[in-house]
Amino acid sequence: MKSVLYYPGFEVTSETWLKFALLYLERLRPIVPYSGDRFLTERFRRVIDSTDLIDPCRPDRSVAQRATLDAIETCERIIRHPSEYEDALGSGDILAHWRNKRSHDYTIFRDKYTNSWEAFLRENNFGTEGDWGMRTCRSLGFVYMTLLADGIARERALHVMTDQSEFDSLSIISSRAPLKAPDCHQVGRALVKLAIPADLDSISVERVLEFRERPGFKQRLLAFHQRVDEYIDSIENGTAKSDFFGAQGTLVRDFSDEVVSIGAGVVTGSLSIWTLMSASSSGLTEYARELAAAGALSASSIIALRTAWTNTRARRFARRYLADLRKLGTAS
């Protein structure tokens, strides 16, 4: 989790989430084609210029081509079995929604796809041409961005993160397998609870930037991420202890204490991780209960997938993170 690929937007729109990223992330890499630079806000440009947090990721033709092929394959699967994807896509009649031109309010920039994707959208009436690329409905645009992010992550060995909860259910679509499948591996959604300053909304971005530049902060941040990665490894291998904070010792607790010291009081934010669990692990349901009981980390939504990443390195960088700060815990 040292460097994470951010999607779907060019920049973080929530200032509170941006401050969270400054406190808890080492590097954030939004997917920004060169043609998208003109749309960055002045506030986000200031963050780029004054910190090492933001490092835009430029999609090239090879990843655009792979994303196009993956998206066409995925959409064809959805066309054949739309009912299996209603929950993930949040629509009772997916195809009718995708074909409704009034819903085409999401632009996928041309640098992110090839001509085949444009032809597919036109052929199925799923998209219309806009000034900067093809316009589709939001849910189809999110499907494409999920697959694009997955392709970039595999190529550049990056974790994937978003700040939009709609992507939580879409994270498994890139598995290239139906949601219901026999002879499966297990994908679990783990939830790590992070300490956040209770008054984060009122703390200025400039104050957080100064805090991030304190001597030794980034070294402790990197050590914290190493512990998180090691713990997620142990979940995937079926060897994790239920108590994340207890298993990792004082380093995690001390870093959390340092983060919340910037404000007054502490609340709890959520970092959810979609991760592949070992197919040979026994008692996954009981294991999920133990994690939930621990409080520091819970697991839910164990989902079966027909295929899985067999290469450990590829599997690791296919992890997806969602930082959801809209339901913060009670201040203490």
Protein backbone atom coordinates (compact mmCIF):
# COMPACT_ATOMS: atom_id res chain seq x y z
CA MET A 1 0.00 0.00 0.00
CA LYS A 2 3.03 2.25 -0.33
CA SER A 3 1.73 3.74 -3.57
CA VAL A 4 -1.92 3.48 -4.57
CA LEU A 5 -3.70 4.10 -7.85
CA TYR A 6 -6.69 6.40 -7.33
CA TYR A 7 -9.85 6.24 -9.43
CA PRO A 8 -12.31 7.13 -10.94
CA GLY A 9 -11.83 10.92 -11.01
CA PHE A 10 -8.86 13.06 -11.96
CA GLU A 11 -8.64 14.40 -8.42
CA VAL A 12 -9.99 13.94 -4.93
CA THR A 13 -13.12 16.08 -4.73
CA SER A 14 -13.71 15.80 -0.97
CA GLU A 15 -11.35 18.01 1.02
CA THR A 16 -11.86 15.80 4.09
CA TRP A 17 -10.82 12.72 2.11
CA LEU A 18 -7.82 14.61 0.72
CA LYS A 19 -6.69 15.39 4.27
CA PHE A 20 -7.15 11.74 5.19
CA ALA A 21 -4.93 10.81 2.22
CA LEU A 22 -2.24 13.24 3.38
CA LEU A 23 -2.26 11.65 6.83
CA TYR A 24 -2.44 7.97 5.88
CA LEU A 25 -1.14 7.52 2.33
CA GLU A 26 2.42 7.66 1.06
CA ARG A 27 1.60 8.37 -2.58
CA LEU A 28 -1.69 8.76 -4.46
CA ARG A 29 -1.70 8.25 -8.23
CA PRO A 30 -4.91 9.48 -9.92
CA ILE A 31 -5.49 8.37 -13.52
CA VAL A 32 -5.14 11.62 -15.48
CA PRO A 33 -4.59 11.63 -19.25
CA TYR A 34 -2.61 14.61 -20.51
CA SER A 35 -5.80 16.02 -22.01
CA GLY A 36 -7.30 16.04 -18.52
CA ASP A 37 -4.73 18.39 -16.94
CA ARG A 38 -6.80 21.44 -17.91
CA PHE A 39 -9.65 20.21 -15.71
CA LEU A 40 -7.65 20.03 -12.47
CA THR A 41 -8.72 22.60 -9.89
CA GLU A 42 -6.38 25.22 -8.51
CA ARG A 43 -6.62 23.64 -5.04
CA PHE A 44 -5.51 20.25 -6.33
CA ARG A 45 -2.67 21.82 -8.32
CA ARG A 46 -1.43 23.44 -5.11
CA VAL A 47 -1.33 20.06 -3.41
CA ILE A 48 0.58 18.59 -6.37
CA ASP A 49 3.11 21.42 -6.24
CA SER A 50 3.58 21.50 -2.46
CA THR A 51 3.72 17.79 -1.53
CA ASP A 52 4.92 14.46 -2.85
CA LEU A 53 1.51 12.85 -2.22
CA ILE A 54 0.13 13.27 -5.76
CA ASP A 55 1.79 11.57 -8.73
CA PRO A 56 -0.58 11.46 -11.74
CA CYS A 57 -0.64 8.19 -13.64
CA ARG A 58 -0.83 8.62 -17.43
CA PRO A 59 -2.64 5.78 -19.24
CA ASP A 60 -0.82 4.62 -22.37
CA ARG A 61 -2.17 2.82 -25.43
CA SER A 62 -1.31 -0.65 -24.15
CA VAL A 63 -3.38 -0.31 -20.95
CA ALA A 64 -6.17 1.42 -22.89
CA GLN A 65 -6.26 -1.49 -25.32
CA ARG A 66 -6.40 -4.09 -22.54
CA ALA A 67 -9.07 -2.13 -20.70
CA THR A 68 -11.10 -1.93 -23.91
CA LEU A 69 -10.94 -5.69 -24.43
CA ASP A 70 -11.73 -6.40 -20.77
CA ALA A 71 -14.64 -3.96 -20.81
CA ILE A 72 -16.16 -5.41 -23.97
CA GLU A 73 -15.84 -8.94 -22.56
CA THR A 74 -17.38 -7.87 -19.24
CA CYS A 75 -20.24 -5.99 -20.90
CA GLU A 76 -21.03 -8.93 -23.16
CA ARG A 77 -21.24 -11.12 -20.06
CA ILE A 78 -23.57 -8.58 -18.44
CA ILE A 79 -25.70 -8.45 -21.61
CA ARG A 80 -26.10 -12.25 -21.47
CA HIS A 81 -26.90 -12.41 -17.74
CA PRO A 82 -27.98 -8.92 -16.62
CA SER A 83 -29.88 -10.16 -13.56
CA GLU A 84 -26.67 -11.47 -11.97
CA TYR A 85 -25.25 -7.93 -11.89
CA GLU A 86 -28.25 -5.93 -10.72
CA ASP A 87 -27.01 -5.61 -7.14
CA ALA A 88 -23.46 -4.67 -8.13
CA LEU A 89 -24.63 -2.07 -10.66
CA GLY A 90 -27.53 -0.73 -8.64
CA SER A 91 -30.11 -0.98 -11.39
CA GLY A 92 -33.15 -3.18 -11.91
CA ASP A 93 -32.96 -2.90 -15.70
CA ILE A 94 -29.28 -2.40 -16.48
CA LEU A 95 -29.43 -2.49 -20.26
CA ALA A 96 -32.36 -0.07 -20.55
CA HIS A 97 -30.54 2.33 -18.26
CA TRP A 98 -27.34 2.08 -20.29
CA ARG A 99 -29.28 2.82 -23.50
CA ASN A 100 -31.11 5.82 -22.11
CA LYS A 101 -29.35 8.83 -23.68
CA ARG A 102 -30.57 11.10 -20.89
CA SER A 103 -28.40 9.08 -18.50
CA HIS A 104 -25.22 9.59 -20.58
CA ASP A 105 -23.66 12.13 -18.22
CA TYR A 106 -20.30 10.45 -17.56
CA THR A 107 -17.35 11.05 -19.92
CA ILE A 108 -14.63 8.46 -20.53
CA PHE A 109 -11.71 10.40 -22.04
CA ARG A 110 -10.39 9.21 -25.40
CA ASP A 111 -6.90 8.54 -24.03
CA LYS A 112 -8.40 5.81 -21.84
CA TYR A 113 -9.82 3.56 -24.58
CA THR A 114 -9.37 2.47 -28.19
CA ASN A 115 -11.67 2.69 -31.22
CA SER A 116 -13.09 -0.76 -30.45
CA TRP A 117 -14.69 0.52 -27.24
CA GLU A 118 -16.25 3.46 -29.06
CA ALA A 119 -17.62 1.11 -31.75
CA PHE A 120 -19.02 -1.23 -29.09
CA LEU A 121 -20.82 1.63 -27.33
CA ARG A 122 -22.30 2.90 -30.59
CA GLU A 123 -23.38 -0.56 -31.74
CA ASN A 124 -25.26 -1.21 -28.50
CA ASN A 125 -26.50 2.38 -28.03
CA PHE A 126 -24.62 2.52 -24.74
CA GLY A 127 -22.85 5.81 -25.42
CA THR A 128 -22.84 9.10 -27.31
CA GLU A 129 -19.92 11.19 -28.50
CA GLY A 130 -18.81 14.14 -26.40
CA ASP A 131 -16.15 16.84 -26.69
CA TRP A 132 -13.48 14.83 -24.85
CA GLY A 133 -14.57 11.24 -25.38
CA MET A 134 -17.56 8.92 -25.17
CA ARG A 135 -20.37 9.80 -22.79
CA THR A 136 -22.10 6.93 -21.01
CA CYS A 137 -24.20 6.50 -17.90
CA ARG A 138 -22.40 6.60 -14.58
CA SER A 139 -22.59 2.88 -13.79
CA LEU A 140 -21.13 1.84 -17.16
CA GLY A 141 -18.43 4.47 -16.83
CA PHE A 142 -17.61 3.06 -13.40
CA VAL A 143 -17.37 -0.46 -14.85
CA TYR A 144 -14.88 0.80 -17.42
CA MET A 145 -12.83 2.74 -14.87
CA THR A 146 -12.73 -0.29 -12.56
CA LEU A 147 -11.27 -2.40 -15.37
CA LEU A 148 -8.86 0.34 -16.47
CA ALA A 149 -7.59 0.73 -12.91
CA ASP A 150 -7.19 -3.04 -12.62
CA GLY A 151 -5.12 -3.16 -15.82
CA ILE A 152 -2.87 -0.30 -14.79
CA ALA A 153 -2.39 -1.85 -11.34
CA ARG A 154 -1.31 -5.18 -12.83
CA GLU A 155 1.12 -3.52 -15.25
CA ARG A 156 2.68 -1.08 -12.79
CA ALA A 157 2.46 -3.11 -9.56
CA LEU A 158 0.13 -0.71 -7.77
CA HIS A 159 -2.64 -1.13 -5.26
CA VAL A 160 -5.99 0.39 -6.21
CA MET A 161 -8.01 2.82 -4.07
CA THR A 162 -11.16 4.88 -4.37
CA ASP A 163 -13.11 7.25 -2.16
CA GLN A 164 -16.50 6.40 -3.66
CA SER A 165 -18.51 3.66 -2.00
CA GLU A 166 -20.29 2.80 -5.27
CA PHE A 167 -17.09 1.03 -6.30
CA ASP A 168 -17.17 -1.31 -3.32
CA SER A 169 -19.54 -3.69 -5.09
CA LEU A 170 -17.91 -3.14 -8.49
CA SER A 171 -14.49 -4.19 -7.22
CA ILE A 172 -15.14 -7.85 -7.96
CA ILE A 173 -16.29 -7.35 -11.54
CA SER A 174 -12.71 -7.32 -12.80
CA SER A 175 -12.38 -10.97 -11.76
CA ARG A 176 -13.68 -11.91 -15.23
CA ALA A 177 -15.97 -14.50 -13.69
CA PRO A 178 -19.72 -14.46 -12.99
CA LEU A 179 -20.67 -13.56 -9.45
CA LYS A 180 -22.16 -17.03 -9.00
CA ALA A 181 -19.71 -19.79 -9.86
CA PRO A 182 -18.88 -23.33 -8.66
CA ASP A 183 -15.45 -24.63 -7.62
CA CYS A 184 -14.38 -21.26 -6.36
CA HIS A 185 -11.69 -19.40 -4.57
CA GLN A 186 -12.77 -17.00 -1.85
CA VAL A 187 -12.66 -13.23 -1.93
CA GLY A 188 -13.18 -11.50 1.38
CA ARG A 189 -13.91 -7.90 2.23
CA ALA A 190 -11.85 -6.94 5.25
CA LEU A 191 -12.54 -3.73 7.12
CA VAL A 192 -9.71 -1.98 8.95
CA LYS A 193 -10.75 0.76 11.34
CA LEU A 194 -8.44 3.79 11.32
CA ALA A 195 -8.18 6.55 13.92
CA ILE A 196 -8.99 9.98 12.45
CA PRO A 197 -9.03 13.43 14.10
CA ALA A 198 -12.60 14.19 15.15
CA ASP A 199 -12.39 17.74 13.79
CA LEU A 200 -10.72 16.82 10.49
CA ASP A 201 -13.31 18.87 8.58
CA SER A 202 -12.19 22.07 10.27
CA ILE A 203 -8.42 21.47 10.05
CA SER A 204 -6.92 23.30 7.08
CA VAL A 205 -5.18 21.48 4.25
CA GLU A 206 -2.13 23.68 4.89
CA ARG A 207 -2.00 22.50 8.52
CA VAL A 208 -2.15 18.86 7.42
CA LEU A 209 0.59 19.50 4.84
CA GLU A 210 2.83 20.92 7.58
CA PHE A 211 2.06 17.95 9.82
CA ARG A 212 2.97 15.53 7.03
CA GLU A 213 6.36 17.22 6.68
CA ARG A 214 7.31 16.69 10.33
CA PRO A 215 10.70 14.95 10.77
CA GLY A 216 10.35 11.18 10.69
CA PHE A 217 6.64 11.15 9.85
CA LYS A 218 7.04 9.53 6.43
CA GLN A 219 9.33 6.83 7.80
CA ARG A 220 6.70 5.94 10.39
CA LEU A 221 4.02 6.08 7.70
CA LEU A 222 5.92 3.58 5.56
CA ALA A 223 6.40 1.27 8.55
CA PHE A 224 2.66 1.46 9.23
CA HIS A 225 1.86 0.46 5.63
CA GLN A 226 4.29 -2.42 5.82
CA ARG A 227 2.42 -3.76 8.85
CA VAL A 228 -0.93 -3.40 7.08
CA ASP A 229 0.39 -5.26 4.02
CA GLU A 230 1.83 -8.02 6.16
CA TYR A 231 -1.47 -8.43 7.93
CA ILE A 232 -3.45 -8.60 4.68
CA ASP A 233 -0.92 -11.19 3.47
CA SER A 234 -1.73 -13.27 6.53
CA ILE A 235 -5.47 -12.98 5.79
CA GLU A 236 -4.90 -14.25 2.26
CA ASN A 237 -2.79 -17.11 3.57
CA GLY A 238 -5.27 -18.03 6.29
CA THR A 239 -2.77 -17.39 9.11
CA ALA A 240 -4.04 -14.07 10.48
CA LYS A 241 -4.75 -13.46 14.13
CA SER A 242 -8.07 -11.77 14.74
CA ASP A 243 -6.71 -8.67 16.49
CA PHE A 244 -4.91 -6.45 13.99
CA PHE A 245 -3.61 -3.96 16.54
CA GLY A 246 -2.60 -6.64 19.00
CA ALA A 247 -0.87 -8.67 16.31
CA GLN A 248 1.18 -5.72 15.07
CA GLY A 249 2.29 -4.36 18.42
CA THR A 250 2.76 -0.75 19.45
CA LEU A 251 3.90 0.64 16.08
CA VAL A 252 0.37 0.75 14.62
CA ARG A 253 -1.15 2.20 17.80
CA ASP A 254 1.62 4.80 18.15
CA PHE A 255 1.23 5.92 14.53
CA SER A 256 -2.54 6.23 14.96
CA ASP A 257 -1.97 8.30 18.11
CA GLU A 258 0.35 10.56 16.16
CA VAL A 259 -2.21 11.07 13.39
CA VAL A 260 -5.04 12.04 15.74
CA SER A 261 -2.80 14.40 17.70
CA ILE A 262 -3.27 16.97 14.94
CA GLY A 263 -6.85 17.55 16.13
CA ALA A 264 -9.10 17.37 19.17
CA GLY A 265 -10.61 13.97 19.88
CA VAL A 266 -10.74 10.90 17.69
CA VAL A 267 -13.30 9.19 15.46
CA THR A 268 -13.11 5.98 13.45
CA GLY A 269 -12.86 5.82 9.68
CA SER A 270 -13.08 2.70 7.56
CA LEU A 271 -10.60 1.23 5.11
CA SER A 272 -12.13 -1.76 3.36
CA ILE A 273 -9.99 -4.18 1.38
CA TRP A 274 -11.18 -6.69 -1.20
CA THR A 275 -8.61 -9.45 -1.02
CA LEU A 276 -8.22 -13.05 -2.15
CA MET A 277 -8.39 -15.59 0.66
CA SER A 278 -6.70 -18.95 0.45
CA ALA A 279 -8.95 -21.56 -1.12
CA SER A 280 -7.45 -24.13 1.25
CA SER A 281 -8.32 -22.14 4.36
CA SER A 282 -10.90 -23.94 6.46
CA GLY A 283 -13.67 -22.33 8.44
CA LEU A 284 -13.82 -19.03 6.56
CA THR A 285 -17.23 -18.24 7.97
CA GLU A 286 -16.02 -18.77 11.53
CA TYR A 287 -12.86 -16.84 10.68
CA ALA A 288 -15.00 -13.89 9.56
CA ARG A 289 -16.85 -13.98 12.87
CA GLU A 290 -13.57 -13.87 14.80
CA LEU A 291 -12.41 -10.88 12.81
CA ALA A 292 -15.69 -9.08 13.39
CA ALA A 293 -15.56 -9.80 17.11
CA ALA A 294 -12.05 -8.32 17.35
CA GLY A 295 -13.33 -4.85 16.53
CA ALA A 296 -10.06 -3.69 14.99
CA LEU A 297 -10.73 -5.60 11.78
CA SER A 298 -13.86 -7.28 10.52
CA ALA A 299 -14.51 -9.43 7.48
CA SER A 300 -17.70 -9.84 5.53
CA SER A 301 -19.04 -10.43 2.02
CA ILE A 302 -17.05 -13.59 1.33
CA ILE A 303 -17.65 -14.08 -2.37
CA ALA A 304 -16.89 -17.03 -4.61
CA LEU A 305 -15.00 -16.57 -7.88
CA ARG A 306 -14.27 -19.22 -10.47
CA THR A 307 -10.76 -17.97 -11.21
CA ALA A 308 -8.13 -16.52 -8.95
CA TRP A 309 -4.69 -15.01 -9.11
CA THR A 310 -2.19 -17.82 -8.77
CA ASN A 311 0.82 -15.54 -8.79
CA THR A 312 1.29 -14.05 -5.33
CA ARG A 313 2.71 -10.78 -6.64
CA ALA A 314 -0.15 -10.30 -9.12
CA ARG A 315 -2.65 -11.17 -6.42
CA ARG A 316 -1.19 -8.63 -4.02
CA PHE A 317 -1.39 -5.78 -6.49
CA ALA A 318 -4.95 -6.71 -7.41
CA ARG A 319 -6.10 -5.69 -3.93
CA ARG A 320 -8.64 -2.91 -3.88
CA TYR A 321 -9.13 -0.38 -1.11
CA LEU A 322 -12.10 1.84 -0.30
CA ALA A 323 -11.68 4.63 2.23
CA ASP A 324 -15.18 5.64 3.30
CA LEU A 325 -15.26 8.64 5.64
CA ARG A 326 -18.93 9.48 5.24
CA LYS A 327 -19.94 7.42 8.28
CA LEU A 328 -17.36 8.38 10.86
CA GLY A 329 -17.54 6.87 14.32
CA THR A 330 -18.43 8.70 17.49
CA ALA A 331 -15.88 11.15 18.87
CA SER A 332 -14.15 10.15 22.09
